[in-house]
Amino acid sequence: MNHSDRFITYQIRVEGLVRQEWFENLRVTPLPEGETLICGLVDQAALHGILTRIRDLGLVLVSIHSFPNEKGIPHV
């Protein structure tokens, strides 16, 4: 399987509060620090689209964490 075809769980943290409708099919969770966590199981193309949307919205990217495995489930 090509790496670009794999679905991986990503947790993306941005500054500020984000509206759920800005990121369809992803879980958007406000955090107490005034940041938002955006999570979802996506492929590389979708990840690039999410990052472009973050840029276009003028959001500050704090971190990105990936949890790659065959099922796209984060390691515990």
Protein backbone atom coordinates (compact mmCIF):
# COMPACT_ATOMS: atom_id res chain seq x y z
CA MET A 1 0.00 0.00 0.00
CA ASN A 2 1.28 3.43 -0.92
CA HIS A 3 1.74 5.74 2.09
CA SER A 4 -0.43 8.40 0.45
CA ASP A 5 -3.31 5.89 0.25
CA ARG A 6 -3.25 5.08 3.97
CA PHE A 7 -5.66 6.59 6.44
CA ILE A 8 -4.00 7.88 9.60
CA THR A 9 -5.49 9.43 12.71
CA TYR A 10 -4.30 13.02 13.16
CA GLN A 11 -4.68 15.37 16.09
CA ILE A 12 -4.19 18.97 15.01
CA ARG A 13 -4.05 21.72 17.62
CA VAL A 14 -4.66 25.36 16.68
CA GLU A 15 -4.89 28.62 18.61
CA GLY A 16 -8.36 30.04 19.14
CA LEU A 17 -11.83 28.58 18.91
CA VAL A 18 -12.93 26.84 15.73
CA ARG A 19 -16.44 26.17 14.48
CA GLN A 20 -17.35 22.53 13.81
CA GLU A 21 -18.77 23.34 10.36
CA TRP A 22 -15.35 24.60 9.22
CA PHE A 23 -14.03 21.03 9.41
CA GLU A 24 -16.73 18.59 8.29
CA ASN A 25 -16.20 14.91 9.16
CA LEU A 26 -13.66 15.78 11.84
CA ARG A 27 -14.06 16.05 15.60
CA VAL A 28 -13.55 19.63 16.81
CA THR A 29 -12.96 20.03 20.55
CA PRO A 30 -12.39 23.38 22.32
CA LEU A 31 -9.65 23.20 24.94
CA PRO A 32 -9.43 25.22 28.17
CA GLU A 33 -6.19 26.91 27.03
CA GLY A 34 -8.11 28.83 24.34
CA GLU A 35 -7.05 26.35 21.69
CA THR A 36 -8.96 23.81 19.60
CA LEU A 37 -8.16 20.17 18.89
CA ILE A 38 -9.17 18.90 15.44
CA CYS A 39 -9.10 15.10 15.12
CA GLY A 40 -9.88 12.61 12.43
CA LEU A 41 -8.91 9.63 10.34
CA VAL A 42 -7.74 10.99 6.97
CA ASP A 43 -5.44 10.25 4.06
CA GLN A 44 -2.59 12.50 2.91
CA ALA A 45 -4.72 14.41 0.41
CA ALA A 46 -7.31 15.23 3.07
CA LEU A 47 -4.55 16.25 5.52
CA HIS A 48 -3.20 18.75 3.00
CA GLY A 49 -6.73 20.10 2.52
CA ILE A 50 -7.14 20.54 6.29
CA LEU A 51 -3.81 22.35 6.56
CA THR A 52 -4.77 24.62 3.66
CA ARG A 53 -8.07 25.44 5.37
CA ILE A 54 -6.22 26.24 8.62
CA ARG A 55 -3.96 28.60 6.66
CA ASP A 56 -6.85 30.19 4.76
CA LEU A 57 -8.74 30.82 8.02
CA GLY A 58 -5.67 32.57 9.45
CA LEU A 59 -5.42 30.10 12.34
CA VAL A 60 -2.13 29.55 14.15
CA LEU A 61 -1.01 25.93 13.97
CA VAL A 62 0.28 24.74 17.35
CA SER A 63 0.96 21.04 16.69
CA ILE A 64 0.17 18.00 14.60
CA HIS A 65 0.39 14.46 15.95
CA SER A 66 -0.13 11.35 13.87
CA PHE A 67 -1.04 7.91 15.09
CA PRO A 68 -0.26 5.60 12.15
CA ASN A 69 -1.20 1.96 12.23
CA GLU A 70 -3.21 -0.32 10.00
CA LYS A 71 -6.56 0.58 11.53
CA GLY A 72 -5.87 4.28 12.01
CA ILE A 73 -6.38 3.97 15.77
CA PRO A 74 -4.12 5.95 18.12
CA HIS A 75 -1.60 3.94 20.09
CA VAL A 76 -2.37 3.89 23.81
